[in-house]
């Protein structure tokens, strides 16, 4: 399972419109895939406002988060994958 979004943010760290699913994402054909995609979207919307440094707004105003399913017990993420144990840019997530 993989879903990738295009997210646009305001200077305040809030969504500037609805996040869009990118064509490279796997199609949400099954009930599970639709639930996975909805959960990923909810993670983006529920975490706003994102806490990001205002002086770098031009660098973070648009970003493309990727949500990927990993089999249980996989251990450490591979290089370049999000390590969920590190600090998050969203508050309360």
C-alpha atoms as a PDB file:
ATOM      1  CA  UNK A   1       0.000   0.000   0.000  1.00  0.00           C
ATOM      2  CA  UNK A   2       1.349   3.431  -0.944  1.00  0.00           C
ATOM      3  CA  UNK A   3      -0.360   6.806  -1.173  1.00  0.00           C
ATOM      4  CA  UNK A   4       1.322  10.109  -1.963  1.00  0.00           C
ATOM      5  CA  UNK A   5      -0.227  13.556  -1.626  1.00  0.00           C
ATOM      6  CA  UNK A   6       0.522  17.098  -2.726  1.00  0.00           C
ATOM      7  CA  UNK A   7       0.002  19.386   0.257  1.00  0.00           C
ATOM      8  CA  UNK A   8      -0.068  23.183   0.178  1.00  0.00           C
ATOM      9  CA  UNK A   9       0.198  25.158   3.408  1.00  0.00           C
ATOM     10  CA  UNK A  10      -0.443  28.741   4.470  1.00  0.00           C
ATOM     11  CA  UNK A  11       2.192  30.705   6.412  1.00  0.00           C
ATOM     12  CA  UNK A  12       0.321  29.700   9.583  1.00  0.00           C
ATOM     13  CA  UNK A  13       0.907  25.999   8.833  1.00  0.00           C
ATOM     14  CA  UNK A  14      -2.716  25.289   7.899  1.00  0.00           C
ATOM     15  CA  UNK A  15      -3.879  23.530   4.754  1.00  0.00           C
ATOM     16  CA  UNK A  16      -4.348  25.768   1.740  1.00  0.00           C
ATOM     17  CA  UNK A  17      -6.999  23.652   0.051  1.00  0.00           C
ATOM     18  CA  UNK A  18      -7.602  19.914   0.061  1.00  0.00           C
ATOM     19  CA  UNK A  19      -4.510  17.663  -0.290  1.00  0.00           C
ATOM     20  CA  UNK A  20      -4.438  15.906  -3.668  1.00  0.00           C
ATOM     21  CA  UNK A  21      -3.560  12.256  -4.255  1.00  0.00           C
ATOM     22  CA  UNK A  22      -0.751  11.938  -6.795  1.00  0.00           C
ATOM     23  CA  UNK A  23      -1.152   9.610  -9.780  1.00  0.00           C
ATOM     24  CA  UNK A  24       1.838   7.501  -8.631  1.00  0.00           C
ATOM     25  CA  UNK A  25      -0.204   6.239  -5.681  1.00  0.00           C
ATOM     26  CA  UNK A  26      -1.722   2.796  -5.876  1.00  0.00           C
ATOM     27  CA  UNK A  27      -5.400   3.073  -6.835  1.00  0.00           C
ATOM     28  CA  UNK A  28      -7.874   2.795  -3.961  1.00  0.00           C
ATOM     29  CA  UNK A  29      -9.786  -0.101  -5.532  1.00  0.00           C
ATOM     30  CA  UNK A  30     -10.509  -2.192  -2.434  1.00  0.00           C
ATOM     31  CA  UNK A  31     -12.231  -1.240   0.799  1.00  0.00           C
ATOM     32  CA  UNK A  32      -8.879  -1.617   2.577  1.00  0.00           C
ATOM     33  CA  UNK A  33      -7.119   0.694   0.101  1.00  0.00           C
ATOM     34  CA  UNK A  34      -9.859   3.332   0.441  1.00  0.00           C
ATOM     35  CA  UNK A  35      -9.639   3.131   4.249  1.00  0.00           C
ATOM     36  CA  UNK A  36      -5.832   3.402   4.110  1.00  0.00           C
ATOM     37  CA  UNK A  37      -6.039   6.467   1.854  1.00  0.00           C
ATOM     38  CA  UNK A  38      -8.720   8.068   4.071  1.00  0.00           C
ATOM     39  CA  UNK A  39      -6.569   7.407   7.158  1.00  0.00           C
ATOM     40  CA  UNK A  40      -3.540   9.038   5.524  1.00  0.00           C
ATOM     41  CA  UNK A  41      -5.627  12.071   4.563  1.00  0.00           C
ATOM     42  CA  UNK A  42      -6.992  12.279   8.104  1.00  0.00           C
ATOM     43  CA  UNK A  43      -3.418  12.224   9.463  1.00  0.00           C
ATOM     44  CA  UNK A  44      -2.583  15.251   7.322  1.00  0.00           C
ATOM     45  CA  UNK A  45      -5.709  17.218   8.184  1.00  0.00           C
ATOM     46  CA  UNK A  46      -5.756  16.381  11.912  1.00  0.00           C
ATOM     47  CA  UNK A  47      -2.133  17.426  12.433  1.00  0.00           C
ATOM     48  CA  UNK A  48      -2.590  21.001  11.321  1.00  0.00           C
ATOM     49  CA  UNK A  49      -1.452  23.571  12.084  1.00  0.00           C
ATOM     50  CA  UNK A  50       2.014  22.245  11.295  1.00  0.00           C
ATOM     51  CA  UNK A  51       4.761  23.851  13.384  1.00  0.00           C
ATOM     52  CA  UNK A  52       7.401  24.956  10.909  1.00  0.00           C
ATOM     53  CA  UNK A  53       9.934  27.826  10.899  1.00  0.00           C
ATOM     54  CA  UNK A  54       8.376  30.855   9.199  1.00  0.00           C
ATOM     55  CA  UNK A  55      11.696  31.953   7.684  1.00  0.00           C
ATOM     56  CA  UNK A  56      11.695  28.791   5.512  1.00  0.00           C
ATOM     57  CA  UNK A  57       8.120  29.141   4.263  1.00  0.00           C
ATOM     58  CA  UNK A  58       9.192  29.027   0.602  1.00  0.00           C
ATOM     59  CA  UNK A  59      10.743  25.611   1.220  1.00  0.00           C
ATOM     60  CA  UNK A  60       7.813  23.995   3.069  1.00  0.00           C
ATOM     61  CA  UNK A  61       4.727  25.671   1.597  1.00  0.00           C
ATOM     62  CA  UNK A  62       4.380  22.711  -0.812  1.00  0.00           C
ATOM     63  CA  UNK A  63       5.382  19.181   0.110  1.00  0.00           C
ATOM     64  CA  UNK A  64       4.582  15.607  -0.895  1.00  0.00           C
ATOM     65  CA  UNK A  65       4.166  13.199   2.012  1.00  0.00           C
ATOM     66  CA  UNK A  66       4.241   9.496   1.160  1.00  0.00           C
ATOM     67  CA  UNK A  67       2.398   6.952   3.299  1.00  0.00           C
ATOM     68  CA  UNK A  68       3.677   3.409   2.851  1.00  0.00           C
ATOM     69  CA  UNK A  69       2.626   0.219   4.554  1.00  0.00           C
ATOM     70  CA  UNK A  70       5.454  -1.827   6.030  1.00  0.00           C
ATOM     71  CA  UNK A  71       5.077  -5.417   7.153  1.00  0.00           C
ATOM     72  CA  UNK A  72       5.079  -5.827  10.943  1.00  0.00           C
ATOM     73  CA  UNK A  73       8.448  -6.482  12.533  1.00  0.00           C
ATOM     74  CA  UNK A  74      10.480  -4.763   9.826  1.00  0.00           C
ATOM     75  CA  UNK A  75      12.687  -2.928  12.366  1.00  0.00           C
ATOM     76  CA  UNK A  76      14.519   0.230  11.346  1.00  0.00           C
ATOM     77  CA  UNK A  77      13.261   2.197   8.318  1.00  0.00           C
ATOM     78  CA  UNK A  78      15.473   2.158   5.233  1.00  0.00           C
ATOM     79  CA  UNK A  79      17.504   5.245   4.336  1.00  0.00           C
ATOM     80  CA  UNK A  80      15.201   8.044   3.243  1.00  0.00           C
ATOM     81  CA  UNK A  81      12.087   6.627   4.946  1.00  0.00           C
ATOM     82  CA  UNK A  82      10.374   8.446   7.767  1.00  0.00           C
ATOM     83  CA  UNK A  83      11.459   7.335  11.213  1.00  0.00           C
ATOM     84  CA  UNK A  84       8.315   7.794  13.303  1.00  0.00           C
ATOM     85  CA  UNK A  85      10.318   7.771  16.532  1.00  0.00           C
ATOM     86  CA  UNK A  86      11.832  11.160  15.693  1.00  0.00           C
ATOM     87  CA  UNK A  87      10.223  14.525  16.294  1.00  0.00           C
ATOM     88  CA  UNK A  88       7.217  15.328  14.126  1.00  0.00           C
ATOM     89  CA  UNK A  89       6.405  18.674  12.525  1.00  0.00           C
ATOM     90  CA  UNK A  90       2.767  18.286  13.494  1.00  0.00           C
ATOM     91  CA  UNK A  91       1.410  19.020  16.938  1.00  0.00           C
ATOM     92  CA  UNK A  92      -0.275  16.230  18.839  1.00  0.00           C
ATOM     93  CA  UNK A  93       0.392  13.504  16.258  1.00  0.00           C
END
